[in-house]
């Protein structure tokens, strides 16, 4: 990586770098890019894309609505300072 690229990256990241830091980051980023180039050279032919690196064994519970939870939600809604139907009304967050 040349100094112009390092200067642009530091500007985008909004960090100020000294000349020594730029030289150090230039070497570090070159090593990182080299590592990615090594990874991209690995053959992935015949492999399916993964959405998650760990197997999904269906750890989700079944979604069951029961009368107790409906009654509790109504009790909790009664405690709200403001509500609209079955929803809490809260101040807008900007």
PDB file of N, CA and C in Angstrom:
ATOM      1  N   UNK A   1       0.859  -1.177   0.000  1.00  0.00           N
ATOM      2  CA  UNK A   1       0.000   0.000   0.000  1.00  0.00           C
ATOM      3  C   UNK A   1       0.901   1.235   0.000  1.00  0.00           C
ATOM      4  N   UNK A   2       0.509   2.197  -0.801  1.00  0.00           N
ATOM      5  CA  UNK A   2       1.317   3.419  -0.840  1.00  0.00           C
ATOM      6  C   UNK A   2       0.781   4.449   0.160  1.00  0.00           C
ATOM      7  N   UNK A   3       1.537   5.495   0.372  1.00  0.00           N
ATOM      8  CA  UNK A   3       1.192   6.508   1.368  1.00  0.00           C
ATOM      9  C   UNK A   3      -0.121   7.220   1.029  1.00  0.00           C
ATOM     10  N   UNK A   4      -0.398   7.382  -0.264  1.00  0.00           N
ATOM     11  CA  UNK A   4      -1.639   8.042  -0.678  1.00  0.00           C
ATOM     12  C   UNK A   4      -2.851   7.227  -0.226  1.00  0.00           C
ATOM     13  N   UNK A   5      -2.789   5.901  -0.388  1.00  0.00           N
ATOM     14  CA  UNK A   5      -3.880   5.036   0.040  1.00  0.00           C
ATOM     15  C   UNK A   5      -4.035   5.057   1.562  1.00  0.00           C
ATOM     16  N   UNK A   6      -2.915   5.024   2.274  1.00  0.00           N
ATOM     17  CA  UNK A   6      -2.967   5.068   3.744  1.00  0.00           C
ATOM     18  C   UNK A   6      -3.557   6.391   4.210  1.00  0.00           C
ATOM     19  N   UNK A   7      -3.182   7.485   3.568  1.00  0.00           N
ATOM     20  CA  UNK A   7      -3.709   8.806   3.922  1.00  0.00           C
ATOM     21  C   UNK A   7      -5.216   8.840   3.693  1.00  0.00           C
ATOM     22  N   UNK A   8      -5.679   8.273   2.582  1.00  0.00           N
ATOM     23  CA  UNK A   8      -7.116   8.257   2.288  1.00  0.00           C
ATOM     24  C   UNK A   8      -7.867   7.382   3.289  1.00  0.00           C
ATOM     25  N   UNK A   9      -7.318   6.240   3.628  1.00  0.00           N
ATOM     26  CA  UNK A   9      -7.956   5.359   4.613  1.00  0.00           C
ATOM     27  C   UNK A   9      -8.041   6.044   5.972  1.00  0.00           C
ATOM     28  N   UNK A  10      -6.976   6.701   6.387  1.00  0.00           N
ATOM     29  CA  UNK A  10      -7.001   7.390   7.685  1.00  0.00           C
ATOM     30  C   UNK A  10      -7.984   8.559   7.664  1.00  0.00           C
ATOM     31  N   UNK A  11      -8.112   9.216   6.507  1.00  0.00           N
ATOM     32  CA  UNK A  11      -9.083  10.307   6.399  1.00  0.00           C
ATOM     33  C   UNK A  11     -10.496   9.758   6.532  1.00  0.00           C
ATOM     34  N   UNK A  12     -10.781   8.646   5.841  1.00  0.00           N
ATOM     35  CA  UNK A  12     -12.104   8.035   5.917  1.00  0.00           C
ATOM     36  C   UNK A  12     -12.421   7.536   7.327  1.00  0.00           C
ATOM     37  N   UNK A  13     -11.397   7.037   8.015  1.00  0.00           N
ATOM     38  CA  UNK A  13     -11.572   6.546   9.388  1.00  0.00           C
ATOM     39  C   UNK A  13     -11.547   7.684  10.403  1.00  0.00           C
ATOM     40  N   UNK A  14     -11.224   8.874   9.918  1.00  0.00           N
ATOM     41  CA  UNK A  14     -11.140  10.074  10.765  1.00  0.00           C
ATOM     42  C   UNK A  14     -10.136   9.904  11.901  1.00  0.00           C
ATOM     43  N   UNK A  15      -8.968   9.391  11.537  1.00  0.00           N
ATOM     44  CA  UNK A  15      -7.875   9.298  12.500  1.00  0.00           C
ATOM     45  C   UNK A  15      -6.649   9.976  11.909  1.00  0.00           C
ATOM     46  N   UNK A  16      -5.907  10.611  12.763  1.00  0.00           N
ATOM     47  CA  UNK A  16      -4.670  11.256  12.327  1.00  0.00           C
ATOM     48  C   UNK A  16      -3.515  10.304  12.578  1.00  0.00           C
ATOM     49  N   UNK A  17      -2.663  10.152  11.576  1.00  0.00           N
ATOM     50  CA  UNK A  17      -1.518   9.260  11.699  1.00  0.00           C
ATOM     51  C   UNK A  17      -0.239  10.033  11.444  1.00  0.00           C
ATOM     52  N   UNK A  18       0.767   9.738  12.248  1.00  0.00           N
ATOM     53  CA  UNK A  18       2.090  10.323  12.012  1.00  0.00           C
ATOM     54  C   UNK A  18       2.734   9.579  10.842  1.00  0.00           C
ATOM     55  N   UNK A  19       3.856  10.085  10.365  1.00  0.00           N
ATOM     56  CA  UNK A  19       4.564   9.433   9.255  1.00  0.00           C
ATOM     57  C   UNK A  19       5.001   8.020   9.644  1.00  0.00           C
ATOM     58  N   UNK A  20       5.431   7.856  10.901  1.00  0.00           N
ATOM     59  CA  UNK A  20       5.847   6.527  11.372  1.00  0.00           C
ATOM     60  C   UNK A  20       4.654   5.569  11.410  1.00  0.00           C
ATOM     61  N   UNK A  21       3.518   6.083  11.886  1.00  0.00           N
ATOM     62  CA  UNK A  21       2.320   5.241  11.951  1.00  0.00           C
ATOM     63  C   UNK A  21       1.848   4.849  10.549  1.00  0.00           C
ATOM     64  N   UNK A  22       1.937   5.788   9.610  1.00  0.00           N
ATOM     65  CA  UNK A  22       1.547   5.485   8.234  1.00  0.00           C
ATOM     66  C   UNK A  22       2.424   4.376   7.657  1.00  0.00           C
ATOM     67  N   UNK A  23       3.716   4.437   7.929  1.00  0.00           N
ATOM     68  CA  UNK A  23       4.627   3.406   7.433  1.00  0.00           C
ATOM     69  C   UNK A  23       4.297   2.052   8.057  1.00  0.00           C
ATOM     70  N   UNK A  24       4.005   2.069   9.364  1.00  0.00           N
ATOM     71  CA  UNK A  24       3.670   0.829  10.069  1.00  0.00           C
ATOM     72  C   UNK A  24       2.351   0.247   9.553  1.00  0.00           C
ATOM     73  N   UNK A  25       1.321   1.102   9.404  1.00  0.00           N
ATOM     74  CA  UNK A  25       0.030   0.641   8.908  1.00  0.00           C
ATOM     75  C   UNK A  25       0.128   0.162   7.465  1.00  0.00           C
ATOM     76  N   UNK A  26       0.992   0.778   6.690  1.00  0.00           N
ATOM     77  CA  UNK A  26       1.177   0.345   5.313  1.00  0.00           C
ATOM     78  C   UNK A  26       1.664  -1.101   5.270  1.00  0.00           C
ATOM     79  N   UNK A  27       2.625  -1.425   6.137  1.00  0.00           N
ATOM     80  CA  UNK A  27       3.129  -2.803   6.208  1.00  0.00           C
ATOM     81  C   UNK A  27       2.046  -3.758   6.709  1.00  0.00           C
ATOM     82  N   UNK A  28       1.329  -3.329   7.764  1.00  0.00           N
ATOM     83  CA  UNK A  28       0.281  -4.181   8.340  1.00  0.00           C
ATOM     84  C   UNK A  28      -0.839  -4.453   7.337  1.00  0.00           C
ATOM     85  N   UNK A  29      -1.288  -3.411   6.652  1.00  0.00           N
ATOM     86  CA  UNK A  29      -2.363  -3.597   5.679  1.00  0.00           C
ATOM     87  C   UNK A  29      -1.912  -4.452   4.501  1.00  0.00           C
ATOM     88  N   UNK A  30      -0.670  -4.323   4.108  1.00  0.00           N
ATOM     89  CA  UNK A  30      -0.146  -5.165   3.035  1.00  0.00           C
ATOM     90  C   UNK A  30      -0.177  -6.633   3.445  1.00  0.00           C
ATOM     91  N   UNK A  31       0.165  -6.931   4.715  1.00  0.00           N
ATOM     92  CA  UNK A  31       0.101  -8.311   5.216  1.00  0.00           C
ATOM     93  C   UNK A  31      -1.337  -8.821   5.244  1.00  0.00           C
ATOM     94  N   UNK A  32      -2.261  -7.959   5.645  1.00  0.00           N
ATOM     95  CA  UNK A  32      -3.676  -8.346   5.703  1.00  0.00           C
ATOM     96  C   UNK A  32      -4.197  -8.655   4.302  1.00  0.00           C
ATOM     97  N   UNK A  33      -3.879  -7.779   3.353  1.00  0.00           N
ATOM     98  CA  UNK A  33      -4.319  -8.007   1.976  1.00  0.00           C
ATOM     99  C   UNK A  33      -3.693  -9.272   1.391  1.00  0.00           C
ATOM    100  N   UNK A  34      -2.462  -9.550   1.752  1.00  0.00           N
ATOM    101  CA  UNK A  34      -1.795 -10.771   1.298  1.00  0.00           C
ATOM    102  C   UNK A  34      -2.521 -12.003   1.857  1.00  0.00           C
ATOM    103  N   UNK A  35      -2.934 -11.925   3.120  1.00  0.00           N
ATOM    104  CA  UNK A  35      -3.663 -13.038   3.731  1.00  0.00           C
ATOM    105  C   UNK A  35      -4.982 -13.277   3.004  1.00  0.00           C
ATOM    106  N   UNK A  36      -5.690 -12.207   2.645  1.00  0.00           N
ATOM    107  CA  UNK A  36      -6.942 -12.365   1.909  1.00  0.00           C
ATOM    108  C   UNK A  36      -6.689 -12.933   0.519  1.00  0.00           C
ATOM    109  N   UNK A  37      -5.596 -12.538  -0.098  1.00  0.00           N
ATOM    110  CA  UNK A  37      -5.261 -13.114  -1.402  1.00  0.00           C
ATOM    111  C   UNK A  37      -4.991 -14.608  -1.276  1.00  0.00           C
ATOM    112  N   UNK A  38      -4.341 -15.022  -0.200  1.00  0.00           N
ATOM    113  CA  UNK A  38      -4.101 -16.451   0.034  1.00  0.00           C
ATOM    114  C   UNK A  38      -5.414 -17.197   0.225  1.00  0.00           C
ATOM    115  N   UNK A  39      -6.333 -16.596   0.961  1.00  0.00           N
ATOM    116  CA  UNK A  39      -7.637 -17.233   1.197  1.00  0.00           C
ATOM    117  C   UNK A  39      -8.400 -17.354  -0.112  1.00  0.00           C
ATOM    118  N   UNK A  40      -8.347 -16.311  -0.928  1.00  0.00           N
ATOM    119  CA  UNK A  40      -9.113 -16.347  -2.181  1.00  0.00           C
ATOM    120  C   UNK A  40      -8.557 -17.369  -3.176  1.00  0.00           C
ATOM    121  N   UNK A  41      -7.335 -17.822  -2.958  1.00  0.00           N
ATOM    122  CA  UNK A  41      -6.767 -18.814  -3.867  1.00  0.00           C
ATOM    123  C   UNK A  41      -7.187 -20.241  -3.511  1.00  0.00           C
ATOM    124  N   UNK A  42      -7.867 -20.428  -2.390  1.00  0.00           N
ATOM    125  CA  UNK A  42      -8.333 -21.747  -1.978  1.00  0.00           C
ATOM    126  C   UNK A  42      -9.491 -22.169  -2.875  1.00  0.00           C
ATOM    127  N   UNK A  43      -9.432 -23.380  -3.376  1.00  0.00           N
ATOM    128  CA  UNK A  43     -10.484 -23.892  -4.249  1.00  0.00           C
ATOM    129  C   UNK A  43     -11.730 -24.203  -3.427  1.00  0.00           C
ATOM    130  N   UNK A  44     -12.844 -23.630  -3.822  1.00  0.00           N
ATOM    131  CA  UNK A  44     -14.125 -23.891  -3.158  1.00  0.00           C
ATOM    132  C   UNK A  44     -15.082 -24.644  -4.071  1.00  0.00           C
ATOM    133  N   UNK A  45     -14.549 -25.233  -5.121  1.00  0.00           N
ATOM    134  CA  UNK A  45     -15.378 -25.967  -6.062  1.00  0.00           C
ATOM    135  C   UNK A  45     -16.031 -27.148  -5.358  1.00  0.00           C
ATOM    136  N   UNK A  46     -17.325 -27.268  -5.546  1.00  0.00           N
ATOM    137  CA  UNK A  46     -18.071 -28.372  -4.946  1.00  0.00           C
ATOM    138  C   UNK A  46     -18.555 -28.098  -3.535  1.00  0.00           C
ATOM    139  N   UNK A  47     -18.237 -26.941  -2.974  1.00  0.00           N
ATOM    140  CA  UNK A  47     -18.695 -26.596  -1.628  1.00  0.00           C
ATOM    141  C   UNK A  47     -19.913 -25.697  -1.713  1.00  0.00           C
ATOM    142  N   UNK A  48     -20.883 -25.965  -0.871  1.00  0.00           N
ATOM    143  CA  UNK A  48     -22.074 -25.126  -0.823  1.00  0.00           C
ATOM    144  C   UNK A  48     -21.827 -23.931   0.097  1.00  0.00           C
ATOM    145  N   UNK A  49     -22.390 -22.769  -0.237  1.00  0.00           N
ATOM    146  CA  UNK A  49     -22.236 -21.608   0.643  1.00  0.00           C
ATOM    147  C   UNK A  49     -22.868 -21.879   2.004  1.00  0.00           C
ATOM    148  N   UNK A  50     -22.270 -21.289   3.043  1.00  0.00           N
ATOM    149  CA  UNK A  50     -22.792 -21.459   4.396  1.00  0.00           C
ATOM    150  C   UNK A  50     -23.398 -20.148   4.876  1.00  0.00           C
ATOM    151  N   UNK A  51     -24.474 -20.243   5.620  1.00  0.00           N
ATOM    152  CA  UNK A  51     -25.064 -19.070   6.237  1.00  0.00           C
ATOM    153  C   UNK A  51     -24.550 -18.887   7.656  1.00  0.00           C
ATOM    154  N   UNK A  52     -24.069 -19.977   8.235  1.00  0.00           N
ATOM    155  CA  UNK A  52     -23.605 -19.954   9.615  1.00  0.00           C
ATOM    156  C   UNK A  52     -22.490 -20.994   9.733  1.00  0.00           C
ATOM    157  N   UNK A  53     -21.393 -20.655  10.393  1.00  0.00           N
ATOM    158  CA  UNK A  53     -20.293 -21.614  10.489  1.00  0.00           C
ATOM    159  C   UNK A  53     -20.562 -22.806  11.408  1.00  0.00           C
ATOM    160  N   UNK A  54     -21.610 -22.711  12.211  1.00  0.00           N
ATOM    161  CA  UNK A  54     -21.936 -23.832  13.093  1.00  0.00           C
ATOM    162  C   UNK A  54     -23.245 -24.458  12.628  1.00  0.00           C
ATOM    163  N   UNK A  55     -23.402 -25.742  12.835  1.00  0.00           N
ATOM    164  CA  UNK A  55     -24.639 -26.382  12.386  1.00  0.00           C
ATOM    165  C   UNK A  55     -25.839 -25.885  13.186  1.00  0.00           C
ATOM    166  N   UNK A  56     -26.951 -25.735  12.497  1.00  0.00           N
ATOM    167  CA  UNK A  56     -28.181 -25.317  13.154  1.00  0.00           C
ATOM    168  C   UNK A  56     -28.976 -26.570  13.470  1.00  0.00           C
ATOM    169  N   UNK A  57     -29.040 -26.895  14.738  1.00  0.00           N
ATOM    170  CA  UNK A  57     -29.717 -28.120  15.153  1.00  0.00           C
ATOM    171  C   UNK A  57     -31.141 -27.865  15.619  1.00  0.00           C
ATOM    172  N   UNK A  58     -31.723 -26.753  15.194  1.00  0.00           N
ATOM    173  CA  UNK A  58     -33.113 -26.486  15.553  1.00  0.00           C
ATOM    174  C   UNK A  58     -33.306 -26.243  17.029  1.00  0.00           C
ATOM    175  N   UNK A  59     -32.551 -25.347  17.606  1.00  0.00           N
ATOM    176  CA  UNK A  59     -32.663 -25.075  19.035  1.00  0.00           C
ATOM    177  C   UNK A  59     -33.817 -24.125  19.358  1.00  0.00           C
ATOM    178  N   UNK A  60     -34.641 -23.825  18.367  1.00  0.00           N
ATOM    179  CA  UNK A  60     -35.756 -22.926  18.596  1.00  0.00           C
ATOM    180  C   UNK A  60     -36.922 -23.696  19.183  1.00  0.00           C
ATOM    181  N   UNK A  61     -37.625 -23.048  20.068  1.00  0.00           N
ATOM    182  CA  UNK A  61     -38.787 -23.709  20.672  1.00  0.00           C
ATOM    183  C   UNK A  61     -40.009 -23.454  19.798  1.00  0.00           C
ATOM    184  N   UNK A  62     -41.010 -24.264  19.958  1.00  0.00           N
ATOM    185  CA  UNK A  62     -42.251 -24.086  19.222  1.00  0.00           C
ATOM    186  C   UNK A  62     -42.971 -22.856  19.760  1.00  0.00           C
ATOM    187  N   UNK A  63     -43.550 -22.062  18.891  1.00  0.00           N
ATOM    188  CA  UNK A  63     -44.251 -20.839  19.293  1.00  0.00           C
ATOM    189  C   UNK A  63     -45.685 -21.194  19.662  1.00  0.00           C
ATOM    190  N   UNK A  64     -45.949 -21.266  20.961  1.00  0.00           N
ATOM    191  CA  UNK A  64     -47.262 -21.659  21.457  1.00  0.00           C
ATOM    192  C   UNK A  64     -47.855 -20.503  22.249  1.00  0.00           C
ATOM    193  N   UNK A  65     -49.062 -20.121  21.898  1.00  0.00           N
ATOM    194  CA  UNK A  65     -49.764 -19.073  22.641  1.00  0.00           C
ATOM    195  C   UNK A  65     -50.713 -19.766  23.604  1.00  0.00           C
ATOM    196  N   UNK A  66     -50.627 -19.368  24.872  1.00  0.00           N
ATOM    197  CA  UNK A  66     -51.547 -19.955  25.844  1.00  0.00           C
ATOM    198  C   UNK A  66     -52.311 -18.847  26.566  1.00  0.00           C
ATOM    199  N   UNK A  67     -53.371 -19.196  27.202  1.00  0.00           N
ATOM    200  CA  UNK A  67     -54.254 -18.224  27.845  1.00  0.00           C
ATOM    201  C   UNK A  67     -53.533 -17.442  28.940  1.00  0.00           C
ATOM    202  N   UNK A  68     -52.611 -18.095  29.666  1.00  0.00           N
ATOM    203  CA  UNK A  68     -51.907 -17.412  30.750  1.00  0.00           C
ATOM    204  C   UNK A  68     -51.074 -16.245  30.240  1.00  0.00           C
ATOM    205  N   UNK A  69     -50.369 -16.454  29.128  1.00  0.00           N
ATOM    206  CA  UNK A  69     -49.520 -15.379  28.615  1.00  0.00           C
ATOM    207  C   UNK A  69     -50.354 -14.223  28.088  1.00  0.00           C
ATOM    208  N   UNK A  70     -51.526 -14.516  27.515  1.00  0.00           N
ATOM    209  CA  UNK A  70     -52.409 -13.443  27.037  1.00  0.00           C
ATOM    210  C   UNK A  70     -52.930 -12.620  28.209  1.00  0.00           C
ATOM    211  N   UNK A  71     -53.301 -13.287  29.288  1.00  0.00           N
ATOM    212  CA  UNK A  71     -53.804 -12.580  30.460  1.00  0.00           C
ATOM    213  C   UNK A  71     -52.709 -11.717  31.070  1.00  0.00           C
ATOM    214  N   UNK A  72     -51.489 -12.232  31.141  1.00  0.00           N
ATOM    215  CA  UNK A  72     -50.381 -11.467  31.710  1.00  0.00           C
ATOM    216  C   UNK A  72     -50.062 -10.247  30.856  1.00  0.00           C
ATOM    217  N   UNK A  73     -50.134 -10.389  29.542  1.00  0.00           N
ATOM    218  CA  UNK A  73     -49.827  -9.251  28.681  1.00  0.00           C
ATOM    219  C   UNK A  73     -50.854  -8.150  28.875  1.00  0.00           C
ATOM    220  N   UNK A  74     -52.112  -8.503  29.078  1.00  0.00           N
ATOM    221  CA  UNK A  74     -53.141  -7.494  29.320  1.00  0.00           C
ATOM    222  C   UNK A  74     -52.885  -6.782  30.652  1.00  0.00           C
ATOM    223  N   UNK A  75     -52.479  -7.532  31.668  1.00  0.00           N
ATOM    224  CA  UNK A  75     -52.155  -6.931  32.969  1.00  0.00           C
ATOM    225  C   UNK A  75     -50.991  -5.955  32.831  1.00  0.00           C
ATOM    226  N   UNK A  76     -49.983  -6.338  32.064  1.00  0.00           N
ATOM    227  CA  UNK A  76     -48.826  -5.474  31.873  1.00  0.00           C
ATOM    228  C   UNK A  76     -49.184  -4.228  31.073  1.00  0.00           C
ATOM    229  N   UNK A  77     -50.054  -4.378  30.076  1.00  0.00           N
ATOM    230  CA  UNK A  77     -50.472  -3.215  29.303  1.00  0.00           C
ATOM    231  C   UNK A  77     -51.249  -2.219  30.163  1.00  0.00           C
ATOM    232  N   UNK A  78     -51.961  -2.723  31.149  1.00  0.00           N
ATOM    233  CA  UNK A  78     -52.695  -1.837  32.063  1.00  0.00           C
ATOM    234  C   UNK A  78     -51.744  -0.934  32.853  1.00  0.00           C
ATOM    235  N   UNK A  79     -50.506  -1.356  33.053  1.00  0.00           N
ATOM    236  CA  UNK A  79     -49.525  -0.580  33.802  1.00  0.00           C
ATOM    237  C   UNK A  79     -48.888   0.530  32.976  1.00  0.00           C
ATOM    238  N   UNK A  80     -49.082   0.503  31.673  1.00  0.00           N
ATOM    239  CA  UNK A  80     -48.450   1.481  30.792  1.00  0.00           C
ATOM    240  C   UNK A  80     -49.062   2.859  30.991  1.00  0.00           C
ATOM    241  N   UNK A  81     -48.221   3.890  30.912  1.00  0.00           N
ATOM    242  CA  UNK A  81     -48.737   5.252  31.035  1.00  0.00           C
ATOM    243  C   UNK A  81     -49.581   5.621  29.814  1.00  0.00           C
ATOM    244  N   UNK A  82     -49.183   5.140  28.642  1.00  0.00           N
ATOM    245  CA  UNK A  82     -49.965   5.335  27.423  1.00  0.00           C
ATOM    246  C   UNK A  82     -49.908   4.065  26.593  1.00  0.00           C
ATOM    247  N   UNK A  83     -51.013   3.763  25.920  1.00  0.00           N
ATOM    248  CA  UNK A  83     -51.030   2.607  25.055  1.00  0.00           C
ATOM    249  C   UNK A  83     -51.947   2.867  23.873  1.00  0.00           C
ATOM    250  N   UNK A  84     -51.690   2.149  22.810  1.00  0.00           N
ATOM    251  CA  UNK A  84     -52.529   2.208  21.615  1.00  0.00           C
ATOM    252  C   UNK A  84     -52.881   0.765  21.284  1.00  0.00           C
ATOM    253  N   UNK A  85     -54.112   0.396  21.539  1.00  0.00           N
ATOM    254  CA  UNK A  85     -54.523  -0.992  21.324  1.00  0.00           C
ATOM    255  C   UNK A  85     -53.736  -1.922  22.233  1.00  0.00           C
ATOM    256  N   UNK A  86     -53.025  -2.872  21.632  1.00  0.00           N
ATOM    257  CA  UNK A  86     -52.240  -3.828  22.407  1.00  0.00           C
ATOM    258  C   UNK A  86     -50.758  -3.464  22.397  1.00  0.00           C
ATOM    259  N   UNK A  87     -50.457  -2.183  22.192  1.00  0.00           N
ATOM    260  CA  UNK A  87     -49.069  -1.734  22.109  1.00  0.00           C
ATOM    261  C   UNK A  87     -48.809  -0.632  23.120  1.00  0.00           C
ATOM    262  N   UNK A  88     -47.568  -0.572  23.600  1.00  0.00           N
ATOM    263  CA  UNK A  88     -47.145   0.535  24.460  1.00  0.00           C
ATOM    264  C   UNK A  88     -46.864   1.735  23.579  1.00  0.00           C
ATOM    265  N   UNK A  89     -47.270   2.917  24.030  1.00  0.00           N
ATOM    266  CA  UNK A  89     -46.940   4.132  23.304  1.00  0.00           C
ATOM    267  C   UNK A  89     -45.737   4.748  24.013  1.00  0.00           C
ATOM    268  N   UNK A  90     -44.654   4.966  23.247  1.00  0.00           N
ATOM    269  CA  UNK A  90     -43.428   5.531  23.810  1.00  0.00           C
ATOM    270  C   UNK A  90     -43.054   6.781  23.026  1.00  0.00           C
ATOM    271  N   UNK A  91     -42.267   7.676  23.630  1.00  0.00           N
ATOM    272  CA  UNK A  91     -41.854   8.868  22.905  1.00  0.00           C
ATOM    273  C   UNK A  91     -40.965   8.489  21.729  1.00  0.00           C
ATOM    274  N   UNK A  92     -41.034   9.251  20.644  1.00  0.00           N
ATOM    275  CA  UNK A  92     -40.173   8.944  19.496  1.00  0.00           C
ATOM    276  C   UNK A  92     -38.700   9.115  19.843  1.00  0.00           C
ATOM    277  N   UNK A  93     -37.881   8.281  19.265  1.00  0.00           N
ATOM    278  CA  UNK A  93     -36.435   8.351  19.488  1.00  0.00           C
ATOM    279  C   UNK A  93     -35.803   8.814  18.180  1.00  0.00           C
ATOM    280  N   UNK A  94     -35.055   9.897  18.277  1.00  0.00           N
ATOM    281  CA  UNK A  94     -34.434  10.451  17.064  1.00  0.00           C
ATOM    282  C   UNK A  94     -32.945  10.287  17.148  1.00  0.00           C
TER     283      UNK A  94
END
